Amino acid sequence: MAVKQVNPYLLFNGKAEQAIKLYQSALGARTESLSRFGEVQGTQFAPEHRNRVMHALLRIGVGVVMLSDTMPNEPVPTQGNVEVCLDFDDVGEMRTRFEALSAGGKVRLPLQDTFWGATFGMLTDAFGIRWMLNCAKRG
């Protein structure tokens, strides 16, 4: 099976750092990576938004939870604050799954190469479930 792992991705509207602290305290989560909006080269955010969490990876036991703040001009989605992230080891398989999963739904970000060394895309399926698909480049 090409899907290696399923990771919940939690979205917050400027409260991600507070959530991380809670998860560390309440669940023993360990922050393994954290990047902020202000660290992305070529982008400009107002000073009050530069410290928003762009991406964080928390290890809880053997599991992983990822999270971020939404963009400053985007509130937390009203249908929920969870996205499902599928991590693939084969980009061809990911493309096939992306196309199948997006049928009847909406592609929010077509699959594309990213600055973090992966191919990545986002979609909402026909049932309103939001998905992120990611495949790290080999090499």
C-alpha atoms as a PDB file:
ATOM      1  CA  MET A   1       0.000   0.000   0.000  1.00  0.00           C
ATOM      2  CA  ALA A   2       1.458   3.398  -0.992  1.00  0.00           C
ATOM      3  CA  VAL A   3      -0.028   5.382   1.906  1.00  0.00           C
ATOM      4  CA  LYS A   4       2.560   5.265   4.699  1.00  0.00           C
ATOM      5  CA  GLN A   5       0.713   7.076   7.475  1.00  0.00           C
ATOM      6  CA  VAL A   6      -2.422   9.141   8.169  1.00  0.00           C
ATOM      7  CA  ASN A   7      -1.846  12.307  10.214  1.00  0.00           C
ATOM      8  CA  PRO A   8      -4.555  14.553  11.660  1.00  0.00           C
ATOM      9  CA  TYR A   9      -3.871  18.211  10.840  1.00  0.00           C
ATOM     10  CA  LEU A  10      -5.485  20.682  13.202  1.00  0.00           C
ATOM     11  CA  LEU A  11      -6.181  24.295  12.212  1.00  0.00           C
ATOM     12  CA  PHE A  12      -6.328  27.297  14.515  1.00  0.00           C
ATOM     13  CA  ASN A  13      -6.905  31.012  14.007  1.00  0.00           C
ATOM     14  CA  GLY A  14      -3.848  32.430  15.759  1.00  0.00           C
ATOM     15  CA  LYS A  15      -4.079  29.984  18.677  1.00  0.00           C
ATOM     16  CA  ALA A  16      -1.790  27.176  17.445  1.00  0.00           C
ATOM     17  CA  GLU A  17       1.057  28.011  19.800  1.00  0.00           C
ATOM     18  CA  GLN A  18      -1.330  27.912  22.756  1.00  0.00           C
ATOM     19  CA  ALA A  19      -2.670  24.562  21.545  1.00  0.00           C
ATOM     20  CA  ILE A  20       0.871  23.177  21.293  1.00  0.00           C
ATOM     21  CA  LYS A  21       1.535  24.143  24.904  1.00  0.00           C
ATOM     22  CA  LEU A  22      -1.688  22.458  25.995  1.00  0.00           C
ATOM     23  CA  TYR A  23      -0.888  19.255  24.060  1.00  0.00           C
ATOM     24  CA  GLN A  24       2.617  19.212  25.530  1.00  0.00           C
ATOM     25  CA  SER A  25       1.266  19.613  29.023  1.00  0.00           C
ATOM     26  CA  ALA A  26      -1.851  17.449  28.814  1.00  0.00           C
ATOM     27  CA  LEU A  27      -0.634  14.723  26.456  1.00  0.00           C
ATOM     28  CA  GLY A  28       3.153  14.724  26.777  1.00  0.00           C
ATOM     29  CA  ALA A  29       3.486  15.828  23.134  1.00  0.00           C
ATOM     30  CA  ARG A  30       6.970  16.586  21.839  1.00  0.00           C
ATOM     31  CA  THR A  31       7.381  19.320  19.225  1.00  0.00           C
ATOM     32  CA  GLU A  32       9.643  17.877  16.539  1.00  0.00           C
ATOM     33  CA  SER A  33       9.399  20.784  14.105  1.00  0.00           C
ATOM     34  CA  LEU A  34       7.837  24.205  14.021  1.00  0.00           C
ATOM     35  CA  SER A  35       7.947  26.926  11.363  1.00  0.00           C
ATOM     36  CA  ARG A  36       6.382  30.328  11.460  1.00  0.00           C
ATOM     37  CA  PHE A  37       4.804  32.447   8.740  1.00  0.00           C
ATOM     38  CA  GLY A  38       7.567  35.032   9.094  1.00  0.00           C
ATOM     39  CA  GLU A  39      10.221  32.420   8.215  1.00  0.00           C
ATOM     40  CA  VAL A  40       8.945  31.850   4.662  1.00  0.00           C
ATOM     41  CA  GLN A  41      11.239  33.631   2.242  1.00  0.00           C
ATOM     42  CA  GLY A  42       9.585  35.864  -0.317  1.00  0.00           C
ATOM     43  CA  THR A  43       6.452  36.513   1.731  1.00  0.00           C
ATOM     44  CA  GLN A  44       5.485  39.468   3.823  1.00  0.00           C
ATOM     45  CA  PHE A  45       3.116  39.364   6.740  1.00  0.00           C
ATOM     46  CA  ALA A  46       2.141  42.155   9.084  1.00  0.00           C
ATOM     47  CA  PRO A  47       4.304  42.126  12.228  1.00  0.00           C
ATOM     48  CA  GLU A  48       1.404  40.823  14.331  1.00  0.00           C
ATOM     49  CA  HIS A  49       1.137  37.741  12.056  1.00  0.00           C
ATOM     50  CA  ARG A  50       4.808  36.813  11.584  1.00  0.00           C
ATOM     51  CA  ASN A  51       4.830  34.523  14.645  1.00  0.00           C
ATOM     52  CA  ARG A  52       1.737  32.569  13.617  1.00  0.00           C
ATOM     53  CA  VAL A  53       2.558  28.875  13.289  1.00  0.00           C
ATOM     54  CA  MET A  54       2.820  27.887   9.624  1.00  0.00           C
ATOM     55  CA  HIS A  55       3.479  24.231  10.413  1.00  0.00           C
ATOM     56  CA  ALA A  56       4.220  22.178  13.493  1.00  0.00           C
ATOM     57  CA  LEU A  57       4.687  18.464  13.969  1.00  0.00           C
ATOM     58  CA  LEU A  58       3.914  16.989  17.360  1.00  0.00           C
ATOM     59  CA  ARG A  59       4.715  13.440  18.375  1.00  0.00           C
ATOM     60  CA  ILE A  60       2.220  11.990  20.808  1.00  0.00           C
ATOM     61  CA  GLY A  61       3.362   8.526  21.788  1.00  0.00           C
ATOM     62  CA  VAL A  62       4.021   6.762  18.494  1.00  0.00           C
ATOM     63  CA  GLY A  63       1.485   8.963  16.676  1.00  0.00           C
ATOM     64  CA  VAL A  64       1.846  12.296  14.948  1.00  0.00           C
ATOM     65  CA  VAL A  65      -0.415  15.331  14.978  1.00  0.00           C
ATOM     66  CA  MET A  66       0.342  18.268  12.725  1.00  0.00           C
ATOM     67  CA  LEU A  67      -1.103  21.730  13.112  1.00  0.00           C
ATOM     68  CA  SER A  68      -0.953  25.331  12.007  1.00  0.00           C
ATOM     69  CA  ASP A  69      -2.662  28.663  12.203  1.00  0.00           C
ATOM     70  CA  THR A  70      -4.797  29.685   9.276  1.00  0.00           C
ATOM     71  CA  MET A  71      -3.650  32.571   7.089  1.00  0.00           C
ATOM     72  CA  PRO A  72      -4.378  35.893   8.826  1.00  0.00           C
ATOM     73  CA  ASN A  73      -7.242  36.696   6.439  1.00  0.00           C
ATOM     74  CA  GLU A  74      -8.790  33.207   6.626  1.00  0.00           C
ATOM     75  CA  PRO A  75     -10.860  32.226   9.665  1.00  0.00           C
ATOM     76  CA  VAL A  76     -10.944  28.628  10.863  1.00  0.00           C
ATOM     77  CA  PRO A  77     -13.280  26.731   8.520  1.00  0.00           C
ATOM     78  CA  THR A  78     -16.811  26.533   9.843  1.00  0.00           C
ATOM     79  CA  GLN A  79     -17.152  22.863   8.893  1.00  0.00           C
ATOM     80  CA  GLY A  80     -14.415  21.935  11.370  1.00  0.00           C
ATOM     81  CA  ASN A  81     -10.792  22.545  12.164  1.00  0.00           C
ATOM     82  CA  VAL A  82      -9.372  19.189  11.093  1.00  0.00           C
ATOM     83  CA  GLU A  83      -7.839  18.130   7.777  1.00  0.00           C
ATOM     84  CA  VAL A  84      -6.656  14.650   6.967  1.00  0.00           C
ATOM     85  CA  CYS A  85      -3.108  14.446   5.620  1.00  0.00           C
ATOM     86  CA  LEU A  86      -2.016  11.400   3.664  1.00  0.00           C
ATOM     87  CA  ASP A  87       1.726  10.839   3.362  1.00  0.00           C
ATOM     88  CA  PHE A  88       2.786   8.786   0.336  1.00  0.00           C
ATOM     89  CA  ASP A  89       6.022   7.106  -0.655  1.00  0.00           C
ATOM     90  CA  ASP A  90       5.215   7.089  -4.394  1.00  0.00           C
ATOM     91  CA  VAL A  91       4.222  10.266  -6.258  1.00  0.00           C
ATOM     92  CA  GLY A  92       2.520   8.315  -9.065  1.00  0.00           C
ATOM     93  CA  GLU A  93       0.278   6.544  -6.587  1.00  0.00           C
ATOM     94  CA  MET A  94      -0.418   9.870  -4.909  1.00  0.00           C
ATOM     95  CA  ARG A  95      -1.476  11.433  -8.224  1.00  0.00           C
ATOM     96  CA  THR A  96      -3.886   8.557  -8.850  1.00  0.00           C
ATOM     97  CA  ARG A  97      -5.393   8.848  -5.370  1.00  0.00           C
ATOM     98  CA  PHE A  98      -5.572  12.659  -5.618  1.00  0.00           C
ATOM     99  CA  GLU A  99      -7.556  12.484  -8.842  1.00  0.00           C
ATOM    100  CA  ALA A 100      -9.883   9.795  -7.499  1.00  0.00           C
ATOM    101  CA  LEU A 101     -10.454  11.595  -4.200  1.00  0.00           C
ATOM    102  CA  SER A 102     -11.174  14.930  -5.896  1.00  0.00           C
ATOM    103  CA  ALA A 103     -13.871  13.518  -8.213  1.00  0.00           C
ATOM    104  CA  GLY A 104     -17.071  15.387  -7.413  1.00  0.00           C
ATOM    105  CA  GLY A 105     -15.213  17.673  -5.015  1.00  0.00           C
ATOM    106  CA  LYS A 106     -12.933  20.655  -5.399  1.00  0.00           C
ATOM    107  CA  VAL A 107      -9.172  20.880  -5.851  1.00  0.00           C
ATOM    108  CA  ARG A 108      -7.974  23.648  -3.550  1.00  0.00           C
ATOM    109  CA  LEU A 109      -4.279  23.396  -4.478  1.00  0.00           C
ATOM    110  CA  PRO A 110      -3.221  21.240  -7.437  1.00  0.00           C
ATOM    111  CA  LEU A 111      -0.354  18.839  -6.847  1.00  0.00           C
ATOM    112  CA  GLN A 112       2.883  20.774  -7.131  1.00  0.00           C
ATOM    113  CA  ASP A 113       6.495  20.776  -6.019  1.00  0.00           C
ATOM    114  CA  THR A 114       7.084  22.692  -2.797  1.00  0.00           C
ATOM    115  CA  PHE A 115       9.875  24.551  -1.042  1.00  0.00           C
ATOM    116  CA  TRP A 116       9.997  21.826   1.650  1.00  0.00           C
ATOM    117  CA  GLY A 117      11.095  19.158  -0.835  1.00  0.00           C
ATOM    118  CA  ALA A 118       7.817  17.405  -1.574  1.00  0.00           C
ATOM    119  CA  THR A 119       4.990  17.200  -4.044  1.00  0.00           C
ATOM    120  CA  PHE A 120       1.874  18.499  -2.327  1.00  0.00           C
ATOM    121  CA  GLY A 121      -1.778  19.230  -3.092  1.00  0.00           C
ATOM    122  CA  MET A 122      -5.028  19.960  -1.278  1.00  0.00           C
ATOM    123  CA  LEU A 123      -8.647  19.144  -2.041  1.00  0.00           C
ATOM    124  CA  THR A 124     -12.105  18.940  -0.547  1.00  0.00           C
ATOM    125  CA  ASP A 125     -13.850  15.697  -1.428  1.00  0.00           C
ATOM    126  CA  ALA A 126     -17.464  15.353  -2.546  1.00  0.00           C
ATOM    127  CA  PHE A 127     -18.535  15.028   1.093  1.00  0.00           C
ATOM    128  CA  GLY A 128     -16.822  18.205   2.299  1.00  0.00           C
ATOM    129  CA  ILE A 129     -13.849  16.426   3.921  1.00  0.00           C
ATOM    130  CA  ARG A 130     -10.645  18.404   3.501  1.00  0.00           C
ATOM    131  CA  TRP A 131      -7.534  16.451   2.476  1.00  0.00           C
ATOM    132  CA  MET A 132      -3.825  17.191   2.054  1.00  0.00           C
ATOM    133  CA  LEU A 133      -1.636  14.801   0.067  1.00  0.00           C
ATOM    134  CA  ASN A 134       2.143  14.891   0.400  1.00  0.00           C
ATOM    135  CA  CYS A 135       5.031  12.911  -1.064  1.00  0.00           C
ATOM    136  CA  ALA A 136       8.613  13.749  -0.117  1.00  0.00           C
ATOM    137  CA  LYS A 137      11.089  13.726  -2.973  1.00  0.00           C
ATOM    138  CA  ARG A 138      13.669  11.003  -2.900  1.00  0.00           C
ATOM    139  CA  GLY A 139      17.278  11.713  -3.054  1.00  0.00           C
END
